Protein backbone atom coordinates (compact mmCIF):
# COMPACT_ATOMS: atom_id res chain seq x y z
CA UNK A 1 -37.41 -24.20 5.59
CA UNK A 2 -38.62 -20.88 3.67
CA UNK A 3 -37.47 -19.72 1.11
CA UNK A 4 -35.48 -16.32 1.54
CA UNK A 5 -37.48 -13.38 0.86
CA UNK A 6 -35.95 -11.81 -2.51
CA UNK A 7 -34.01 -8.38 -1.69
CA UNK A 8 -36.06 -5.32 -2.99
CA UNK A 9 -34.63 -2.29 -5.02
CA UNK A 10 -35.03 1.05 -3.34
CA UNK A 11 -37.16 2.09 -6.00
CA UNK A 12 -39.79 -1.14 -5.40
CA UNK A 13 -42.63 1.28 -4.96
CA UNK A 14 -41.80 3.07 -7.86
CA UNK A 15 -42.81 0.59 -9.98
CA UNK A 16 -45.20 -1.47 -8.35
CA UNK A 17 -47.01 2.07 -8.67
CA UNK A 18 -46.60 2.11 -12.70
CA UNK A 19 -47.64 -1.91 -13.05
CA UNK A 20 -44.52 -3.27 -13.42
CA UNK A 21 -44.67 -6.83 -13.87
CA UNK A 22 -42.30 -8.02 -11.37
CA UNK A 23 -39.98 -11.47 -11.05
CA UNK A 24 -36.62 -12.72 -9.16
CA UNK A 25 -33.33 -11.68 -11.09
CA UNK A 26 -30.30 -12.63 -9.51
CA UNK A 27 -32.25 -12.73 -5.94
CA UNK A 28 -34.15 -9.48 -6.46
CA UNK A 29 -37.64 -8.81 -7.27
CA UNK A 30 -36.86 -6.52 -10.17
CA UNK A 31 -39.16 -4.92 -12.60
CA UNK A 32 -39.42 -6.84 -16.01
CA UNK A 33 -41.56 -4.96 -18.01
CA UNK A 34 -43.86 -1.67 -17.26
CA UNK A 35 -45.63 -1.54 -21.66
CA UNK A 36 -44.15 -4.05 -22.75
CA UNK A 37 -40.91 -5.26 -24.01
CA UNK A 38 -41.31 -4.58 -27.67
CA UNK A 39 -41.90 -1.21 -26.84
CA UNK A 40 -39.06 -0.25 -24.04
CA UNK A 41 -36.64 -1.56 -26.48
CA UNK A 42 -38.19 0.74 -29.58
CA UNK A 43 -38.08 3.28 -26.80
CA UNK A 44 -34.11 2.78 -25.83
CA UNK A 45 -33.24 2.64 -29.95
CA UNK A 46 -34.89 5.23 -30.78
CA UNK A 47 -35.30 8.03 -28.03
CA UNK A 48 -34.69 7.18 -24.68
CA UNK A 49 -35.25 4.29 -21.66
CA UNK A 50 -34.56 5.06 -18.24
CA UNK A 51 -33.64 1.08 -16.17
CA UNK A 52 -34.00 0.60 -12.62
CA UNK A 53 -30.75 -1.76 -12.34
CA UNK A 54 -30.10 -1.66 -8.91
CA UNK A 55 -29.61 -5.13 -8.05
CA UNK A 56 -26.22 -4.77 -9.45
CA UNK A 57 -23.40 -5.20 -7.04
CA UNK A 58 -21.15 -2.26 -5.52
CA UNK A 59 -17.75 -3.31 -4.01
CA UNK A 60 -15.60 -0.44 -3.01
CA UNK A 61 -11.21 -1.38 -2.94
CA UNK A 62 -8.72 0.82 -1.28
CA UNK A 63 -5.45 1.24 -0.04
CA UNK A 64 -2.13 1.40 -1.11
CA UNK A 65 -1.54 -0.64 -4.20
CA UNK A 66 -5.67 -1.35 -4.91
CA UNK A 67 -4.85 -0.96 -8.28
CA UNK A 68 -2.26 -3.42 -8.76
CA UNK A 69 -3.94 -6.05 -6.59
CA UNK A 70 -7.02 -5.91 -8.01
CA UNK A 71 -5.08 -5.56 -11.62
CA UNK A 72 -3.35 -9.12 -10.53
CA UNK A 73 -6.84 -10.66 -10.21
CA UNK A 74 -8.62 -9.81 -12.73
CA UNK A 75 -8.76 -10.30 -16.77
CA UNK A 76 -8.37 -6.66 -18.44
CA UNK A 77 -5.40 -5.25 -17.59
CA UNK A 78 -5.80 -1.91 -15.30
CA UNK A 79 -2.70 0.64 -17.50
CA UNK A 80 -4.52 1.00 -20.45
CA UNK A 81 -6.87 3.11 -18.85
CA UNK A 82 -6.31 6.28 -16.52
CA UNK A 83 -8.32 7.95 -13.35
CA UNK A 84 -11.62 8.11 -13.76
CA UNK A 85 -11.93 5.71 -16.60
CA UNK A 86 -13.42 2.31 -16.56
CA UNK A 87 -12.90 -1.26 -18.22
CA UNK A 88 -14.86 -4.23 -18.34
CA UNK A 89 -12.73 -6.86 -17.72
CA UNK A 90 -13.51 -10.64 -16.24
CA UNK A 91 -13.30 -12.34 -12.46
CA UNK A 92 -11.80 -15.99 -13.88
CA UNK A 93 -11.79 -19.46 -11.78
CA UNK A 94 -7.82 -19.93 -11.54
CA UNK A 95 -7.45 -23.37 -12.13
CA UNK A 96 -10.10 -23.67 -14.64
CA UNK A 97 -10.80 -20.03 -16.65
CA UNK A 98 -13.86 -20.36 -15.91
CA UNK A 99 -15.57 -16.85 -15.90
CA UNK A 100 -17.06 -16.39 -11.88
CA UNK A 101 -17.84 -13.02 -13.42
CA UNK A 102 -18.04 -10.18 -15.75
CA UNK A 103 -17.87 -6.78 -14.21
CA UNK A 104 -17.11 -3.00 -14.58
CA UNK A 105 -14.48 -1.54 -12.59
CA UNK A 106 -14.34 2.26 -12.58
CA UNK A 107 -10.83 3.17 -11.25
CA UNK A 108 -10.80 6.75 -9.46
CA UNK A 109 -6.89 6.54 -8.08
CA UNK A 110 -4.22 4.20 -7.88
CA UNK A 111 -6.17 3.52 -4.04
CA UNK A 112 -9.98 3.89 -4.83
CA UNK A 113 -11.03 1.67 -7.31
CA UNK A 114 -14.76 1.22 -7.77
CA UNK A 115 -16.26 -2.63 -9.03
CA UNK A 116 -20.38 -3.24 -10.52
CA UNK A 117 -20.28 -7.07 -10.06
CA UNK A 118 -23.38 -9.12 -11.53
CA UNK A 119 -26.18 -9.77 -8.99
CA UNK A 120 -25.22 -13.09 -7.92
CA UNK A 121 -21.83 -12.89 -8.28
CA UNK A 122 -21.51 -10.13 -6.06
CA UNK A 123 -20.38 -11.94 -2.73
CA UNK A 124 -18.62 -14.54 -4.38
CA UNK A 125 -15.95 -11.76 -5.79
CA UNK A 126 -16.06 -10.06 -2.62
CA UNK A 127 -14.86 -13.64 -1.08
CA UNK A 128 -12.47 -14.50 -3.77
CA UNK A 129 -10.97 -10.94 -3.33
CA UNK A 130 -10.71 -10.73 0.56
CA UNK A 131 -9.15 -14.58 0.22
CA UNK A 132 -5.64 -12.65 -1.55
CA UNK A 133 -5.51 -9.49 -0.46
CA UNK A 134 -3.03 -7.84 1.54
CA UNK A 135 -3.54 -6.90 5.22
CA UNK A 136 -3.87 -2.62 3.17
CA UNK A 137 -6.19 -3.30 1.42
CA UNK A 138 -9.74 -3.38 2.46
CA UNK A 139 -12.85 -4.76 0.29
CA UNK A 140 -15.95 -3.34 0.98
CA UNK A 141 -19.30 -4.99 -0.09
CA UNK A 142 -21.82 -1.83 -0.85
CA UNK A 143 -24.70 -3.72 -2.24
CA UNK A 144 -27.24 -2.21 0.23
CA UNK A 145 -25.85 1.37 0.32
CA UNK A 146 -26.40 2.34 -3.43
CA UNK A 147 -28.41 2.29 -6.57
CA UNK A 148 -27.29 2.21 -9.78
CA UNK A 149 -30.03 3.80 -12.89
CA UNK A 150 -30.00 3.74 -16.05
CA UNK A 151 -30.42 6.25 -19.07
CA UNK A 152 -29.86 4.92 -23.02
CA UNK A 153 -31.07 6.38 -25.65
CA UNK A 154 -29.86 8.60 -28.89
CA UNK A 155 -31.38 11.53 -26.29
CA UNK A 156 -29.51 10.20 -23.53
CA UNK A 157 -27.78 13.11 -23.19
CA UNK A 158 -30.58 15.75 -23.82
CA UNK A 159 -31.93 14.48 -20.23
CA UNK A 160 -28.78 14.43 -18.30
CA UNK A 161 -28.71 17.99 -19.21
CA UNK A 162 -32.15 18.53 -18.03
CA UNK A 163 -30.76 17.25 -14.52
CA UNK A 164 -27.75 19.42 -14.65
CA UNK A 165 -25.19 16.05 -14.66
CA UNK A 166 -22.74 15.82 -17.03
CA UNK A 167 -22.86 14.26 -20.28
CA UNK A 168 -20.23 15.16 -22.01
CA UNK A 169 -17.33 12.40 -21.80
CA UNK A 170 -16.17 9.74 -23.48
CA UNK A 171 -17.41 6.36 -23.87
CA UNK A 172 -15.98 4.36 -20.26
CA UNK A 173 -15.08 7.74 -18.67
CA UNK A 174 -17.18 8.32 -15.53
CA UNK A 175 -17.60 11.71 -12.93
CA UNK A 176 -18.72 12.60 -9.83
CA UNK A 177 -21.55 15.59 -9.39
CA UNK A 178 -22.81 16.29 -5.96
CA UNK A 179 -22.99 12.46 -4.45
CA UNK A 180 -23.81 10.76 -8.15
CA UNK A 181 -21.38 8.97 -10.04
CA UNK A 182 -22.08 10.05 -14.09
CA UNK A 183 -20.96 7.09 -16.09
CA UNK A 184 -20.53 6.89 -20.06
CA UNK A 185 -20.86 3.04 -19.70
CA UNK A 186 -24.59 1.00 -20.41
CA UNK A 187 -25.40 -2.17 -21.66
CA UNK A 188 -28.06 -1.55 -24.79
CA UNK A 189 -25.57 -0.55 -27.36
CA UNK A 190 -26.93 2.78 -27.23
CA UNK A 191 -25.14 5.70 -26.41
CA UNK A 192 -26.02 6.30 -22.31
CA UNK A 193 -25.30 6.96 -19.11
CA UNK A 194 -25.21 4.38 -15.52
CA UNK A 195 -25.79 6.67 -12.49
CA UNK A 196 -24.69 4.91 -8.88
CA UNK A 197 -26.78 7.56 -6.40
CA UNK A 198 -26.59 6.38 -2.32
CA UNK A 199 -29.91 4.53 -2.34
CA UNK A 200 -31.58 6.93 0.33
CA UNK A 201 -31.52 9.67 -2.58
CA UNK A 202 -32.78 6.92 -5.44
CA UNK A 203 -36.31 8.04 -5.65
CA UNK A 204 -35.76 11.69 -5.97
CA UNK A 205 -33.50 11.01 -9.20
CA UNK A 206 -35.83 8.52 -10.45
CA UNK A 207 -38.93 11.17 -10.74
CA UNK A 208 -36.91 13.45 -12.15
CA UNK A 209 -35.53 10.97 -14.55
CA UNK A 210 -38.47 9.80 -15.09
CA UNK A 211 -40.24 13.09 -15.48
CA UNK A 212 -36.93 14.12 -18.31
CA UNK A 213 -36.84 10.99 -20.32
CA UNK A 214 -41.36 11.35 -21.35
CA UNK A 215 -40.61 14.98 -21.92
CA UNK A 216 -37.91 13.24 -24.43
CA UNK A 217 -40.54 10.83 -25.87
CA UNK A 218 -38.77 7.86 -23.90
CA UNK A 219 -40.34 5.60 -21.45
CA UNK A 220 -39.02 3.42 -17.97
CA UNK A 221 -37.95 -0.02 -19.01
CA UNK A 222 -37.46 -3.40 -17.63
CA UNK A 223 -34.97 -5.95 -17.65
CA UNK A 224 -37.02 -7.51 -20.22
CA UNK A 225 -36.10 -4.95 -22.28
CA UNK A 226 -32.47 -4.44 -21.28
CA UNK A 227 -31.74 -8.29 -21.96
CA UNK A 228 -33.11 -7.80 -25.98
CA UNK A 229 -31.37 -4.95 -26.23
CA UNK A 230 -28.11 -6.40 -25.18
CA UNK A 231 -28.53 -9.83 -27.47
CA UNK A 232 -28.83 -7.34 -30.36
CA UNK A 233 -25.22 -6.53 -30.09
CA UNK A 234 -24.09 -9.90 -28.35
CA UNK A 235 -23.64 -8.63 -25.54
CA UNK A 236 -22.54 -11.63 -22.92
CA UNK A 237 -24.71 -12.54 -20.52
CA UNK A 238 -23.39 -14.45 -17.03
CA UNK A 239 -24.69 -17.21 -16.42
CA UNK A 240 -26.02 -18.41 -20.29
CA UNK A 241 -23.15 -16.78 -22.51
CA UNK A 242 -20.60 -16.33 -19.89
CA UNK A 243 -20.60 -19.27 -16.17
CA UNK A 244 -17.56 -21.23 -14.53
CA UNK A 245 -18.21 -23.72 -18.01
CA UNK A 246 -17.60 -21.45 -19.86
CA UNK A 247 -13.78 -19.61 -20.20
CA UNK A 248 -13.48 -15.86 -22.13
CA UNK A 249 -11.11 -17.86 -24.80
CA UNK A 250 -15.16 -19.68 -26.28
CA UNK A 251 -16.94 -16.41 -25.33
CA UNK A 252 -14.02 -14.08 -27.39
CA UNK A 253 -13.93 -12.40 -24.94
CA UNK A 254 -9.88 -12.53 -25.49
CA UNK A 255 -9.93 -8.29 -26.28
CA UNK A 256 -10.73 -8.39 -22.60
CA UNK A 257 -7.91 -10.26 -21.39
CA UNK A 258 -4.56 -8.99 -21.12
CA UNK A 259 -2.41 -11.35 -22.26
CA UNK A 260 0.67 -10.15 -21.77
CA UNK A 261 0.55 -9.58 -18.16
CA UNK A 262 2.28 -11.56 -15.63
CA UNK A 263 -0.49 -12.55 -13.33
CA UNK A 264 -3.99 -12.86 -12.97
CA UNK A 265 -6.49 -15.48 -11.60
CA UNK A 266 -6.92 -18.27 -14.92
CA UNK A 267 -3.80 -17.16 -16.51
CA UNK A 268 -2.10 -20.72 -16.97
CA UNK A 269 -5.62 -22.53 -18.27
CA UNK A 270 -6.62 -19.61 -20.41
CA UNK A 271 -2.80 -19.50 -22.22
CA UNK A 272 -2.71 -23.24 -22.66
CA UNK A 273 -7.16 -22.91 -24.20
CA UNK A 274 -6.04 -20.40 -26.38
CA UNK A 275 -2.60 -22.14 -27.20
CA UNK A 276 -4.64 -25.16 -28.47
CA UNK A 277 -7.39 -23.58 -29.62
CA UNK A 278 -10.79 -23.59 -28.59
CA UNK A 279 -13.45 -26.92 -28.91
CA UNK A 280 -16.14 -24.62 -28.93
CA UNK A 281 -17.20 -21.00 -29.78
CA UNK A 282 -19.92 -18.24 -29.49
CA UNK A 283 -21.48 -17.76 -32.66
CA UNK A 284 -24.67 -15.27 -33.74
CA UNK A 285 -27.72 -17.34 -35.06
CA UNK A 286 -30.26 -15.73 -36.88
CA UNK A 287 -33.29 -17.26 -38.12
CA UNK A 288 -34.22 -17.83 -41.49
CA UNK A 289 -38.34 -18.99 -40.81
CA UNK A 290 -40.08 -17.72 -37.94
CA UNK A 291 -38.49 -19.49 -34.96
CA UNK A 292 -37.02 -17.63 -32.33
CA UNK A 293 -34.14 -18.83 -30.35
CA UNK A 294 -34.18 -20.11 -26.76
CA UNK A 295 -31.61 -21.32 -24.64
CA UNK A 296 -30.10 -25.10 -23.92
CA UNK A 297 -32.40 -25.39 -27.99
CA UNK A 298 -30.09 -28.32 -29.78
CA UNK A 299 -28.28 -26.91 -32.77
CA UNK A 300 -27.36 -29.61 -35.31
CA UNK A 301 -25.57 -29.24 -38.90
CA UNK A 302 -27.23 -29.84 -42.38
CA UNK A 303 -26.07 -33.36 -41.98
CA UNK A 304 -28.30 -33.42 -38.22
CA UNK A 305 -25.56 -33.53 -36.12
CA UNK A 306 -25.79 -31.66 -32.64
CA UNK A 307 -23.07 -29.47 -32.40
CA UNK A 308 -24.07 -26.76 -30.07
CA UNK A 309 -26.26 -25.30 -27.76
CA UNK A 310 -29.10 -22.06 -28.00
CA UNK A 311 -27.05 -19.82 -24.64
CA UNK A 312 -29.64 -16.90 -25.78
CA UNK A 313 -32.45 -16.15 -27.59
CA UNK A 314 -34.80 -14.34 -28.73
CA UNK A 315 -37.09 -11.69 -31.05
CA UNK A 316 -35.51 -9.02 -32.13
CA UNK A 317 -38.00 -6.14 -31.92
CA UNK A 318 -35.15 -4.37 -34.34
CA UNK A 319 -34.99 -6.83 -37.29
CA UNK A 320 -38.57 -8.50 -36.16
CA UNK A 321 -36.84 -11.78 -37.12
CA UNK A 322 -35.98 -14.34 -34.04
CA UNK A 323 -31.49 -13.40 -32.94
CA UNK A 324 -29.61 -15.74 -30.55
CA UNK A 325 -25.86 -16.93 -29.48
CA UNK A 326 -24.99 -20.55 -28.86
CA UNK A 327 -21.86 -22.13 -28.19
CA UNK A 328 -20.68 -24.04 -31.55
CA UNK A 329 -18.00 -27.03 -32.21
CA UNK A 330 -14.72 -25.79 -33.44
CA UNK A 331 -14.99 -25.89 -38.00
CA UNK A 332 -18.91 -23.92 -37.84
CA UNK A 333 -17.88 -20.68 -40.09
CA UNK A 334 -19.59 -17.66 -40.89
CA UNK A 335 -22.41 -18.04 -43.67
CA UNK A 336 -23.28 -21.97 -42.58
CA UNK A 337 -26.91 -23.06 -42.16
CA UNK A 338 -27.70 -24.72 -39.70
CA UNK A 339 -30.41 -25.86 -37.89
CA UNK A 340 -32.29 -25.62 -34.70
CA UNK A 341 -34.80 -28.37 -32.00
CA UNK A 342 -37.02 -26.15 -31.63
CA UNK A 343 -39.72 -28.88 -29.20
CA UNK A 344 -38.91 -32.08 -32.28
CA UNK A 345 -39.53 -29.29 -34.90
CA UNK A 346 -36.34 -28.52 -36.50
CA UNK A 347 -36.02 -24.42 -37.36
CA UNK A 348 -33.45 -22.66 -39.63
CA UNK A 349 -30.64 -20.64 -38.51
CA UNK A 350 -27.99 -19.09 -40.01
CA UNK A 351 -24.34 -18.74 -38.26
CA UNK A 352 -23.66 -14.72 -38.02
CA UNK A 353 -20.97 -12.49 -35.99
CA UNK A 354 -23.01 -10.24 -34.07
CA UNK A 355 -24.10 -7.93 -33.42
CA UNK A 356 -26.74 -8.26 -34.66
CA UNK A 357 -27.82 -4.79 -34.62
CA UNK A 358 -25.25 -1.76 -35.28
CA UNK A 359 -24.32 -0.08 -32.29
CA UNK A 360 -23.94 3.84 -30.42
CA UNK A 361 -22.64 3.84 -28.02
CA UNK A 362 -19.09 6.10 -28.86
């Protein structure tokens, strides 16, 4: 039986024309890099970059009491924000508290919410919501209808200004302008925006953004740079730092849990884990030699005992050193010096609290 074909972004032809290296990501064929991960990473830190992140999901939840319904499912408390604000939250398994997905909720009104889950998890988030939704709540998967472009970096307000799009808004706020939803959000740690646009209009918007980005000293960026940028911030990636086997408590995402809410999926399991203390916690690792942390590398203490595993790791273009995230046994402390097993060779690392690089989101 043949493998199912990969889904294509509305901008696929543009990426191919630019010579992007394409690869599978969450069931989609997406650009990993154009000129190179380091160059693209540094462009975002110093100027601006434009990313195609159309693999991300788009889900509309509408109907009387839509806000209250979503708030009873996901971890964060939507009562903390008002209309035209966005919120990071988690969809957890009700029995175990493991993370089905982490996502952004855009609060348009009490009866109209827009969800942006991760690519591979969109269908499962929709399935779980539909399974418990009241009859008057409609949940529509709009994955094929929209594209999402991210403009990230200190020159991003200038780029949006050249397109006549509102840029002066608070962090985690959004506005709708001429059919484009402009969101003051991102996954890089830099001042930036994410633009949700009808798929039919994506190519024209990409072309205008690419021209404006180039005029500000920036460039198109692929998912490789997006990964190194988010790792420098210590932002978790679902499937690596969050999963059905890794809870928000273990991943230090308790700040995205409305602990006093009367109901959300996984509430009892997570309250119990928080009370007893997680057996393992997510930490940052900073290389002390030329080693580079990579996912699934074993972490050992000074006595040679296995105490955890790397979940994410990369070379930091900003720091010029290896960095990573790792789930480590309870009792590990900031400043501890540990070793990684790099194909049988020990590599020294120090335990740190992310971010590795100062964020500039606000």
